[in-house]
Amino acid sequence: MSERIKSFPQFYKFYLTEHSKMWTRIFHFIGTFLVFWVLGFVIYSGKERFLWYLPIVGYGFAWLSHAVFEKNKPATFKYPLWSLLSDFRMFFELLTGKIKFKS
């Protein structure tokens, strides 16, 4: 990734190559699921003090998977918004079976 990516579709293709290992995708899926769970809990309970868990569970699982399984640097450092959008897109594509955990 030497030159800057200029479009989201181009970035998402790159994003999937950086998340090619099954365990990386599983950890991202778990982290994103927990983000939705915590958000739902906060909305249901009204306990906003738990909102600080969102980046911990979301980024924690994701960054751990990059360090342990993928052995690469998360794209979120260079493309923060596109990385976040791609994570949600990958979550829903894994959930619906559009893409597989094992690539």
PDB file of N, CA and C in Angstrom:
ATOM      1  N   MET A   1       0.842  -1.179   0.000  1.00  0.00           N
ATOM      2  CA  MET A   1       0.000   0.000   0.000  1.00  0.00           C
ATOM      3  C   MET A   1       0.885   1.239   0.000  1.00  0.00           C
ATOM      4  N   SER A   2       1.615   1.445  -1.067  1.00  0.00           N
ATOM      5  CA  SER A   2       2.537   2.568  -1.130  1.00  0.00           C
ATOM      6  C   SER A   2       1.853   3.870  -1.531  1.00  0.00           C
ATOM      7  N   GLU A   3       0.891   3.818  -2.445  1.00  0.00           N
ATOM      8  CA  GLU A   3       0.217   5.053  -2.819  1.00  0.00           C
ATOM      9  C   GLU A   3      -1.174   5.105  -2.194  1.00  0.00           C
ATOM     10  N   ARG A   4      -1.687   6.299  -2.054  1.00  0.00           N
ATOM     11  CA  ARG A   4      -2.970   6.531  -1.388  1.00  0.00           C
ATOM     12  C   ARG A   4      -4.123   5.945  -2.203  1.00  0.00           C
ATOM     13  N   ILE A   5      -5.014   5.234  -1.526  1.00  0.00           N
ATOM     14  CA  ILE A   5      -6.215   4.675  -2.158  1.00  0.00           C
ATOM     15  C   ILE A   5      -7.250   5.787  -2.245  1.00  0.00           C
ATOM     16  N   LYS A   6      -7.909   5.895  -3.399  1.00  0.00           N
ATOM     17  CA  LYS A   6      -8.767   7.049  -3.650  1.00  0.00           C
ATOM     18  C   LYS A   6     -10.264   6.761  -3.601  1.00  0.00           C
ATOM     19  N   SER A   7     -10.674   5.488  -3.553  1.00  0.00           N
ATOM     20  CA  SER A   7     -12.113   5.197  -3.525  1.00  0.00           C
ATOM     21  C   SER A   7     -12.398   4.098  -2.507  1.00  0.00           C
ATOM     22  N   PHE A   8     -13.625   4.126  -1.988  1.00  0.00           N
ATOM     23  CA  PHE A   8     -13.995   3.119  -1.004  1.00  0.00           C
ATOM     24  C   PHE A   8     -14.033   1.707  -1.604  1.00  0.00           C
ATOM     25  N   PRO A   9     -14.588   1.493  -2.805  1.00  0.00           N
ATOM     26  CA  PRO A   9     -14.553   0.131  -3.368  1.00  0.00           C
ATOM     27  C   PRO A   9     -13.129  -0.417  -3.508  1.00  0.00           C
ATOM     28  N   GLN A  10     -12.214   0.432  -3.923  1.00  0.00           N
ATOM     29  CA  GLN A  10     -10.807   0.029  -4.041  1.00  0.00           C
ATOM     30  C   GLN A  10     -10.244  -0.287  -2.650  1.00  0.00           C
ATOM     31  N   PHE A  11     -10.596   0.535  -1.670  1.00  0.00           N
ATOM     32  CA  PHE A  11     -10.117   0.299  -0.310  1.00  0.00           C
ATOM     33  C   PHE A  11     -10.665  -1.010   0.246  1.00  0.00           C
ATOM     34  N   TYR A  12     -11.942  -1.288   0.002  1.00  0.00           N
ATOM     35  CA  TYR A  12     -12.542  -2.498   0.567  1.00  0.00           C
ATOM     36  C   TYR A  12     -11.871  -3.762   0.017  1.00  0.00           C
ATOM     37  N   LYS A  13     -11.502  -3.737  -1.245  1.00  0.00           N
ATOM     38  CA  LYS A  13     -10.753  -4.884  -1.799  1.00  0.00           C
ATOM     39  C   LYS A  13      -9.429  -5.061  -1.052  1.00  0.00           C
ATOM     40  N   PHE A  14      -8.736  -3.946  -0.833  1.00  0.00           N
ATOM     41  CA  PHE A  14      -7.492  -3.978  -0.068  1.00  0.00           C
ATOM     42  C   PHE A  14      -7.760  -4.471   1.355  1.00  0.00           C
ATOM     43  N   TYR A  15      -8.813  -3.964   1.973  1.00  0.00           N
ATOM     44  CA  TYR A  15      -9.175  -4.320   3.344  1.00  0.00           C
ATOM     45  C   TYR A  15      -9.360  -5.833   3.481  1.00  0.00           C
ATOM     46  N   LEU A  16     -10.046  -6.445   2.532  1.00  0.00           N
ATOM     47  CA  LEU A  16     -10.265  -7.892   2.596  1.00  0.00           C
ATOM     48  C   LEU A  16      -8.961  -8.666   2.463  1.00  0.00           C
ATOM     49  N   THR A  17      -8.001  -8.153   1.698  1.00  0.00           N
ATOM     50  CA  THR A  17      -6.704  -8.840   1.607  1.00  0.00           C
ATOM     51  C   THR A  17      -5.936  -8.739   2.921  1.00  0.00           C
ATOM     52  N   GLU A  18      -6.165  -7.657   3.661  1.00  0.00           N
ATOM     53  CA  GLU A  18      -5.519  -7.478   4.959  1.00  0.00           C
ATOM     54  C   GLU A  18      -6.233  -8.261   6.064  1.00  0.00           C
ATOM     55  N   HIS A  19      -7.350  -8.873   5.723  1.00  0.00           N
ATOM     56  CA  HIS A  19      -8.154  -9.669   6.655  1.00  0.00           C
ATOM     57  C   HIS A  19      -8.439 -11.031   6.023  1.00  0.00           C
ATOM     58  N   SER A  20      -7.404 -11.654   5.518  1.00  0.00           N
ATOM     59  CA  SER A  20      -7.587 -12.890   4.749  1.00  0.00           C
ATOM     60  C   SER A  20      -7.607 -14.148   5.610  1.00  0.00           C
ATOM     61  N   LYS A  21      -7.052 -14.086   6.780  1.00  0.00           N
ATOM     62  CA  LYS A  21      -6.991 -15.279   7.629  1.00  0.00           C
ATOM     63  C   LYS A  21      -8.303 -15.471   8.406  1.00  0.00           C
ATOM     64  N   MET A  22      -8.689 -16.714   8.549  1.00  0.00           N
ATOM     65  CA  MET A  22      -9.960 -17.050   9.187  1.00  0.00           C
ATOM     66  C   MET A  22     -10.056 -16.464  10.599  1.00  0.00           C
ATOM     67  N   TRP A  23      -9.007 -16.601  11.398  1.00  0.00           N
ATOM     68  CA  TRP A  23      -9.077 -16.123  12.778  1.00  0.00           C
ATOM     69  C   TRP A  23      -9.122 -14.601  12.863  1.00  0.00           C
ATOM     70  N   THR A  24      -8.529 -13.922  11.907  1.00  0.00           N
ATOM     71  CA  THR A  24      -8.635 -12.461  11.875  1.00  0.00           C
ATOM     72  C   THR A  24     -10.084 -12.072  11.662  1.00  0.00           C
ATOM     73  N   ARG A  25     -10.739 -12.729  10.720  1.00  0.00           N
ATOM     74  CA  ARG A  25     -12.147 -12.428  10.449  1.00  0.00           C
ATOM     75  C   ARG A  25     -13.029 -12.793  11.644  1.00  0.00           C
ATOM     76  N   ILE A  26     -12.734 -13.900  12.298  1.00  0.00           N
ATOM     77  CA  ILE A  26     -13.510 -14.299  13.478  1.00  0.00           C
ATOM     78  C   ILE A  26     -13.359 -13.267  14.593  1.00  0.00           C
ATOM     79  N   PHE A  27     -12.128 -12.839  14.853  1.00  0.00           N
ATOM     80  CA  PHE A  27     -11.911 -11.849  15.916  1.00  0.00           C
ATOM     81  C   PHE A  27     -12.577 -10.519  15.592  1.00  0.00           C
ATOM     82  N   HIS A  28     -12.516 -10.098  14.329  1.00  0.00           N
ATOM     83  CA  HIS A  28     -13.198  -8.865  13.931  1.00  0.00           C
ATOM     84  C   HIS A  28     -14.708  -9.017  14.109  1.00  0.00           C
ATOM     85  N   PHE A  29     -15.235 -10.161  13.731  1.00  0.00           N
ATOM     86  CA  PHE A  29     -16.663 -10.416  13.854  1.00  0.00           C
ATOM     87  C   PHE A  29     -17.086 -10.352  15.319  1.00  0.00           C
ATOM     88  N   ILE A  30     -16.324 -10.992  16.187  1.00  0.00           N
ATOM     89  CA  ILE A  30     -16.641 -10.979  17.618  1.00  0.00           C
ATOM     90  C   ILE A  30     -16.594  -9.553  18.161  1.00  0.00           C
ATOM     91  N   GLY A  31     -15.546  -8.818  17.816  1.00  0.00           N
ATOM     92  CA  GLY A  31     -15.424  -7.435  18.288  1.00  0.00           C
ATOM     93  C   GLY A  31     -16.578  -6.566  17.827  1.00  0.00           C
ATOM     94  N   THR A  32     -16.957  -6.688  16.564  1.00  0.00           N
ATOM     95  CA  THR A  32     -18.061  -5.882  16.034  1.00  0.00           C
ATOM     96  C   THR A  32     -19.387  -6.311  16.660  1.00  0.00           C
ATOM     97  N   PHE A  33     -19.575  -7.618  16.834  1.00  0.00           N
ATOM     98  CA  PHE A  33     -20.774  -8.106  17.513  1.00  0.00           C
ATOM     99  C   PHE A  33     -20.871  -7.504  18.920  1.00  0.00           C
ATOM    100  N   LEU A  34     -19.756  -7.494  19.641  1.00  0.00           N
ATOM    101  CA  LEU A  34     -19.747  -6.931  20.992  1.00  0.00           C
ATOM    102  C   LEU A  34     -20.019  -5.428  20.995  1.00  0.00           C
ATOM    103  N   VAL A  35     -19.572  -4.736  19.953  1.00  0.00           N
ATOM    104  CA  VAL A  35     -19.884  -3.306  19.821  1.00  0.00           C
ATOM    105  C   VAL A  35     -21.399  -3.126  19.747  1.00  0.00           C
ATOM    106  N   PHE A  36     -22.056  -3.917  18.901  1.00  0.00           N
ATOM    107  CA  PHE A  36     -23.512  -3.825  18.789  1.00  0.00           C
ATOM    108  C   PHE A  36     -24.197  -4.236  20.097  1.00  0.00           C
ATOM    109  N   TRP A  37     -23.661  -5.248  20.762  1.00  0.00           N
ATOM    110  CA  TRP A  37     -24.242  -5.714  22.019  1.00  0.00           C
ATOM    111  C   TRP A  37     -24.141  -4.625  23.089  1.00  0.00           C
ATOM    112  N   VAL A  38     -22.954  -4.033  23.227  1.00  0.00           N
ATOM    113  CA  VAL A  38     -22.766  -2.978  24.228  1.00  0.00           C
ATOM    114  C   VAL A  38     -23.665  -1.787  23.904  1.00  0.00           C
ATOM    115  N   LEU A  39     -23.726  -1.411  22.631  1.00  0.00           N
ATOM    116  CA  LEU A  39     -24.586  -0.295  22.235  1.00  0.00           C
ATOM    117  C   LEU A  39     -26.044  -0.586  22.568  1.00  0.00           C
ATOM    118  N   GLY A  40     -26.491  -1.796  22.286  1.00  0.00           N
ATOM    119  CA  GLY A  40     -27.858  -2.192  22.628  1.00  0.00           C
ATOM    120  C   GLY A  40     -28.090  -2.159  24.129  1.00  0.00           C
ATOM    121  N   PHE A  41     -27.123  -2.636  24.892  1.00  0.00           N
ATOM    122  CA  PHE A  41     -27.222  -2.614  26.354  1.00  0.00           C
ATOM    123  C   PHE A  41     -27.346  -1.187  26.871  1.00  0.00           C
ATOM    124  N   VAL A  42     -26.527  -0.296  26.335  1.00  0.00           N
ATOM    125  CA  VAL A  42     -26.551   1.104  26.771  1.00  0.00           C
ATOM    126  C   VAL A  42     -27.904   1.736  26.431  1.00  0.00           C
ATOM    127  N   ILE A  43     -28.402   1.480  25.240  1.00  0.00           N
ATOM    128  CA  ILE A  43     -29.699   2.041  24.837  1.00  0.00           C
ATOM    129  C   ILE A  43     -30.814   1.483  25.718  1.00  0.00           C
ATOM    130  N   TYR A  44     -30.784   0.172  25.958  1.00  0.00           N
ATOM    131  CA  TYR A  44     -31.830  -0.476  26.754  1.00  0.00           C
ATOM    132  C   TYR A  44     -31.784  -0.052  28.221  1.00  0.00           C
ATOM    133  N   SER A  45     -30.596  -0.001  28.778  1.00  0.00           N
ATOM    134  CA  SER A  45     -30.459   0.262  30.212  1.00  0.00           C
ATOM    135  C   SER A  45     -30.330   1.742  30.542  1.00  0.00           C
ATOM    136  N   GLY A  46     -29.924   2.539  29.569  1.00  0.00           N
ATOM    137  CA  GLY A  46     -29.691   3.958  29.831  1.00  0.00           C
ATOM    138  C   GLY A  46     -28.398   4.228  30.574  1.00  0.00           C
ATOM    139  N   LYS A  47     -27.529   3.236  30.634  1.00  0.00           N
ATOM    140  CA  LYS A  47     -26.268   3.382  31.378  1.00  0.00           C
ATOM    141  C   LYS A  47     -25.146   3.810  30.419  1.00  0.00           C
ATOM    142  N   GLU A  48     -25.119   5.104  30.119  1.00  0.00           N
ATOM    143  CA  GLU A  48     -24.154   5.646  29.164  1.00  0.00           C
ATOM    144  C   GLU A  48     -22.715   5.452  29.601  1.00  0.00           C
ATOM    145  N   ARG A  49     -22.497   5.211  30.873  1.00  0.00           N
ATOM    146  CA  ARG A  49     -21.124   5.045  31.363  1.00  0.00           C
ATOM    147  C   ARG A  49     -20.427   3.842  30.732  1.00  0.00           C
ATOM    148  N   PHE A  50     -21.187   2.950  30.122  1.00  0.00           N
ATOM    149  CA  PHE A  50     -20.587   1.784  29.473  1.00  0.00           C
ATOM    150  C   PHE A  50     -20.197   2.048  28.017  1.00  0.00           C
ATOM    151  N   LEU A  51     -20.443   3.243  27.517  1.00  0.00           N
ATOM    152  CA  LEU A  51     -20.075   3.567  26.132  1.00  0.00           C
ATOM    153  C   LEU A  51     -18.564   3.478  25.903  1.00  0.00           C
ATOM    154  N   TRP A  52     -17.779   3.699  26.943  1.00  0.00           N
ATOM    155  CA  TRP A  52     -16.321   3.638  26.766  1.00  0.00           C
ATOM    156  C   TRP A  52     -15.858   2.221  26.430  1.00  0.00           C
ATOM    157  N   TYR A  53     -16.714   1.215  26.615  1.00  0.00           N
ATOM    158  CA  TYR A  53     -16.377  -0.158  26.222  1.00  0.00           C
ATOM    159  C   TYR A  53     -16.324  -0.322  24.697  1.00  0.00           C
ATOM    160  N   LEU A  54     -17.036   0.529  23.977  1.00  0.00           N
ATOM    161  CA  LEU A  54     -17.130   0.371  22.510  1.00  0.00           C
ATOM    162  C   LEU A  54     -15.766   0.306  21.825  1.00  0.00           C
ATOM    163  N   PRO A  55     -14.885   1.293  22.026  1.00  0.00           N
ATOM    164  CA  PRO A  55     -13.589   1.178  21.345  1.00  0.00           C
ATOM    165  C   PRO A  55     -12.724   0.044  21.903  1.00  0.00           C
ATOM    166  N   ILE A  56     -12.914  -0.292  23.178  1.00  0.00           N
ATOM    167  CA  ILE A  56     -12.115  -1.367  23.778  1.00  0.00           C
ATOM    168  C   ILE A  56     -12.432  -2.705  23.106  1.00  0.00           C
ATOM    169  N   VAL A  57     -13.720  -3.042  23.015  1.00  0.00           N
ATOM    170  CA  VAL A  57     -14.072  -4.334  22.413  1.00  0.00           C
ATOM    171  C   VAL A  57     -13.904  -4.307  20.896  1.00  0.00           C
ATOM    172  N   GLY A  58     -14.270  -3.195  20.268  1.00  0.00           N
ATOM    173  CA  GLY A  58     -14.156  -3.114  18.811  1.00  0.00           C
ATOM    174  C   GLY A  58     -12.717  -3.163  18.331  1.00  0.00           C
ATOM    175  N   TYR A  59     -11.915  -2.244  18.806  1.00  0.00           N
ATOM    176  CA  TYR A  59     -10.519  -2.200  18.380  1.00  0.00           C
ATOM    177  C   TYR A  59      -9.674  -3.271  19.047  1.00  0.00           C
ATOM    178  N   GLY A  60     -10.000  -3.630  20.272  1.00  0.00           N
ATOM    179  CA  GLY A  60      -9.206  -4.631  20.992  1.00  0.00           C
ATOM    180  C   GLY A  60      -9.132  -5.960  20.256  1.00  0.00           C
ATOM    181  N   PHE A  61     -10.275  -6.504  19.908  1.00  0.00           N
ATOM    182  CA  PHE A  61     -10.294  -7.775  19.175  1.00  0.00           C
ATOM    183  C   PHE A  61      -9.642  -7.635  17.801  1.00  0.00           C
ATOM    184  N   ALA A  62      -9.924  -6.529  17.128  1.00  0.00           N
ATOM    185  CA  ALA A  62      -9.389  -6.323  15.776  1.00  0.00           C
ATOM    186  C   ALA A  62      -7.869  -6.207  15.790  1.00  0.00           C
ATOM    187  N   TRP A  63      -7.340  -5.353  16.635  1.00  0.00           N
ATOM    188  CA  TRP A  63      -5.891  -5.128  16.657  1.00  0.00           C
ATOM    189  C   TRP A  63      -5.146  -6.353  17.156  1.00  0.00           C
ATOM    190  N   LEU A  64      -5.729  -7.068  18.095  1.00  0.00           N
ATOM    191  CA  LEU A  64      -5.107  -8.312  18.550  1.00  0.00           C
ATOM    192  C   LEU A  64      -4.986  -9.306  17.403  1.00  0.00           C
ATOM    193  N   SER A  65      -6.030  -9.400  16.601  1.00  0.00           N
ATOM    194  CA  SER A  65      -5.991 -10.345  15.474  1.00  0.00           C
ATOM    195  C   SER A  65      -4.935  -9.960  14.440  1.00  0.00           C
ATOM    196  N   HIS A  66      -4.728  -8.668  14.238  1.00  0.00           N
ATOM    197  CA  HIS A  66      -3.692  -8.246  13.286  1.00  0.00           C
ATOM    198  C   HIS A  66      -2.304  -8.584  13.819  1.00  0.00           C
ATOM    199  N   ALA A  67      -2.109  -8.417  15.105  1.00  0.00           N
ATOM    200  CA  ALA A  67      -0.795  -8.700  15.700  1.00  0.00           C
ATOM    201  C   ALA A  67      -0.514 -10.196  15.746  1.00  0.00           C
ATOM    202  N   VAL A  68      -1.507 -10.997  16.103  1.00  0.00           N
ATOM    203  CA  VAL A  68      -1.290 -12.421  16.326  1.00  0.00           C
ATOM    204  C   VAL A  68      -1.426 -13.251  15.059  1.00  0.00           C
ATOM    205  N   PHE A  69      -2.465 -13.018  14.276  1.00  0.00           N
ATOM    206  CA  PHE A  69      -2.765 -13.890  13.132  1.00  0.00           C
ATOM    207  C   PHE A  69      -2.303 -13.323  11.795  1.00  0.00           C
ATOM    208  N   GLU A  70      -2.671 -12.094  11.530  1.00  0.00           N
ATOM    209  CA  GLU A  70      -2.405 -11.517  10.208  1.00  0.00           C
ATOM    210  C   GLU A  70      -0.976 -11.003  10.093  1.00  0.00           C
ATOM    211  N   LYS A  71      -0.392 -10.601  11.222  1.00  0.00           N
ATOM    212  CA  LYS A  71       0.974 -10.064  11.267  1.00  0.00           C
ATOM    213  C   LYS A  71       1.138  -8.848  10.352  1.00  0.00           C
ATOM    214  N   ASN A  72       0.161  -7.950  10.419  1.00  0.00           N
ATOM    215  CA  ASN A  72       0.241  -6.712   9.653  1.00  0.00           C
ATOM    216  C   ASN A  72      -0.261  -5.554  10.500  1.00  0.00           C
ATOM    217  N   LYS A  73      -0.098  -4.366  10.002  1.00  0.00           N
ATOM    218  CA  LYS A  73      -0.516  -3.155  10.703  1.00  0.00           C
ATOM    219  C   LYS A  73      -1.956  -2.837  10.294  1.00  0.00           C
ATOM    220  N   PRO A  74      -2.854  -2.617  11.255  1.00  0.00           N
ATOM    221  CA  PRO A  74      -4.240  -2.302  10.897  1.00  0.00           C
ATOM    222  C   PRO A  74      -4.334  -1.080   9.987  1.00  0.00           C
ATOM    223  N   ALA A  75      -5.201  -1.169   8.998  1.00  0.00           N
ATOM    224  CA  ALA A  75      -5.395  -0.071   8.051  1.00  0.00           C
ATOM    225  C   ALA A  75      -6.042   1.139   8.714  1.00  0.00           C
ATOM    226  N   THR A  76      -6.557   0.956   9.893  1.00  0.00           N
ATOM    227  CA  THR A  76      -7.251   2.027  10.595  1.00  0.00           C
ATOM    228  C   THR A  76      -6.330   3.211  10.908  1.00  0.00           C
ATOM    229  N   PHE A  77      -5.033   2.962  10.972  1.00  0.00           N
ATOM    230  CA  PHE A  77      -4.098   4.054  11.263  1.00  0.00           C
ATOM    231  C   PHE A  77      -3.952   5.012  10.088  1.00  0.00           C
ATOM    232  N   LYS A  78      -4.122   4.509   8.876  1.00  0.00           N
ATOM    233  CA  LYS A  78      -3.992   5.355   7.690  1.00  0.00           C
ATOM    234  C   LYS A  78      -5.352   5.772   7.118  1.00  0.00           C
ATOM    235  N   TYR A  79      -6.342   4.914   7.267  1.00  0.00           N
ATOM    236  CA  TYR A  79      -7.688   5.151   6.720  1.00  0.00           C
ATOM    237  C   TYR A  79      -8.737   4.889   7.812  1.00  0.00           C
ATOM    238  N   PRO A  80      -8.836   5.743   8.822  1.00  0.00           N
ATOM    239  CA  PRO A  80      -9.714   5.437   9.960  1.00  0.00           C
ATOM    240  C   PRO A  80     -11.200   5.282   9.613  1.00  0.00           C
ATOM    241  N   LEU A  81     -11.762   6.187   8.841  1.00  0.00           N
ATOM    242  CA  LEU A  81     -13.191   6.117   8.526  1.00  0.00           C
ATOM    243  C   LEU A  81     -13.499   4.933   7.606  1.00  0.00           C
ATOM    244  N   TRP A  82     -12.712   4.781   6.541  1.00  0.00           N
ATOM    245  CA  TRP A  82     -12.942   3.668   5.622  1.00  0.00           C
ATOM    246  C   TRP A  82     -12.739   2.320   6.318  1.00  0.00           C
ATOM    247  N   SER A  83     -11.815   2.256   7.257  1.00  0.00           N
ATOM    248  CA  SER A  83     -11.597   1.015   8.004  1.00  0.00           C
ATOM    249  C   SER A  83     -12.808   0.681   8.864  1.00  0.00           C
ATOM    250  N   LEU A  84     -13.356   1.683   9.526  1.00  0.00           N
ATOM    251  CA  LEU A  84     -14.536   1.459  10.351  1.00  0.00           C
ATOM    252  C   LEU A  84     -15.718   1.009   9.493  1.00  0.00           C
ATOM    253  N   LEU A  85     -15.946   1.702   8.383  1.00  0.00           N
ATOM    254  CA  LEU A  85     -17.033   1.321   7.480  1.00  0.00           C
ATOM    255  C   LEU A  85     -16.811  -0.082   6.915  1.00  0.00           C
ATOM    256  N   SER A  86     -15.574  -0.401   6.576  1.00  0.00           N
ATOM    257  CA  SER A  86     -15.247  -1.721   6.037  1.00  0.00           C
ATOM    258  C   SER A  86     -15.456  -2.808   7.075  1.00  0.00           C
ATOM    259  N   ASP A  87     -15.163  -2.513   8.327  1.00  0.00           N
ATOM    260  CA  ASP A  87     -15.369  -3.491   9.382  1.00  0.00           C
ATOM    261  C   ASP A  87     -16.851  -3.831   9.513  1.00  0.00           C
ATOM    262  N   PHE A  88     -17.701  -2.818   9.488  1.00  0.00           N
ATOM    263  CA  PHE A  88     -19.144  -3.069   9.556  1.00  0.00           C
ATOM    264  C   PHE A  88     -19.628  -3.805   8.306  1.00  0.00           C
ATOM    265  N   ARG A  89     -19.114  -3.414   7.151  1.00  0.00           N
ATOM    266  CA  ARG A  89     -19.511  -4.105   5.922  1.00  0.00           C
ATOM    267  C   ARG A  89     -19.089  -5.570   5.967  1.00  0.00           C
ATOM    268  N   MET A  90     -17.836  -5.832   6.376  1.00  0.00           N
ATOM    269  CA  MET A  90     -17.369  -7.209   6.460  1.00  0.00           C
ATOM    270  C   MET A  90     -18.205  -7.996   7.467  1.00  0.00           C
ATOM    271  N   PHE A  91     -18.559  -7.389   8.602  1.00  0.00           N
ATOM    272  CA  PHE A  91     -19.393  -8.048   9.601  1.00  0.00           C
ATOM    273  C   PHE A  91     -20.707  -8.519   8.982  1.00  0.00           C
ATOM    274  N   PHE A  92     -21.402  -7.615   8.281  1.00  0.00           N
ATOM    275  CA  PHE A  92     -22.697  -7.974   7.703  1.00  0.00           C
ATOM    276  C   PHE A  92     -22.559  -8.947   6.533  1.00  0.00           C
ATOM    277  N   GLU A  93     -21.469  -8.849   5.785  1.00  0.00           N
ATOM    278  CA  GLU A  93     -21.244  -9.809   4.702  1.00  0.00           C
ATOM    279  C   GLU A  93     -20.908 -11.196   5.258  1.00  0.00           C
ATOM    280  N   LEU A  94     -20.202 -11.253   6.376  1.00  0.00           N
ATOM    281  CA  LEU A  94     -19.959 -12.540   7.039  1.00  0.00           C
ATOM    282  C   LEU A  94     -21.258 -13.078   7.620  1.00  0.00           C
ATOM    283  N   LEU A  95     -22.050 -12.220   8.205  1.00  0.00           N
ATOM    284  CA  LEU A  95     -23.316 -12.612   8.816  1.00  0.00           C
ATOM    285  C   LEU A  95     -24.288 -13.183   7.781  1.00  0.00           C
ATOM    286  N   THR A  96     -24.326 -12.580   6.604  1.00  0.00           N
ATOM    287  CA  THR A  96     -25.254 -13.024   5.559  1.00  0.00           C
ATOM    288  C   THR A  96     -24.668 -14.099   4.659  1.00  0.00           C
ATOM    289  N   GLY A  97     -23.404 -14.417   4.822  1.00  0.00           N
ATOM    290  CA  GLY A  97     -22.766 -15.442   3.998  1.00  0.00           C
ATOM    291  C   GLY A  97     -22.259 -14.947   2.658  1.00  0.00           C
ATOM    292  N   LYS A  98     -22.289 -13.645   2.423  1.00  0.00           N
ATOM    293  CA  LYS A  98     -21.768 -13.099   1.165  1.00  0.00           C
ATOM    294  C   LYS A  98     -20.269 -13.368   1.040  1.00  0.00           C
ATOM    295  N   ILE A  99     -19.567 -13.261   2.162  1.00  0.00           N
ATOM    296  CA  ILE A  99     -18.168 -13.702   2.205  1.00  0.00           C
ATOM    297  C   ILE A  99     -18.047 -14.742   3.316  1.00  0.00           C
ATOM    298  N   LYS A 100     -16.996 -15.507   3.260  1.00  0.00           N
ATOM    299  CA  LYS A 100     -16.792 -16.604   4.212  1.00  0.00           C
ATOM    300  C   LYS A 100     -15.742 -16.239   5.238  1.00  0.00           C
ATOM    301  N   PHE A 101     -15.809 -16.878   6.394  1.00  0.00           N
ATOM    302  CA  PHE A 101     -14.769 -16.685   7.397  1.00  0.00           C
ATOM    303  C   PHE A 101     -13.443 -17.224   6.897  1.00  0.00           C
ATOM    304  N   LYS A 102     -13.513 -18.344   6.213  1.00  0.00           N
ATOM    305  CA  LYS A 102     -12.304 -18.959   5.662  1.00  0.00           C
ATOM    306  C   LYS A 102     -12.222 -18.557   4.197  1.00  0.00           C
ATOM    307  N   SER A 103     -11.231 -17.717   3.875  1.00  0.00           N
ATOM    308  CA  SER A 103     -11.128 -17.215   2.487  1.00  0.00           C
ATOM    309  C   SER A 103     -10.379 -18.176   1.596  1.00  0.00           C
TER     310      SER A 103
END
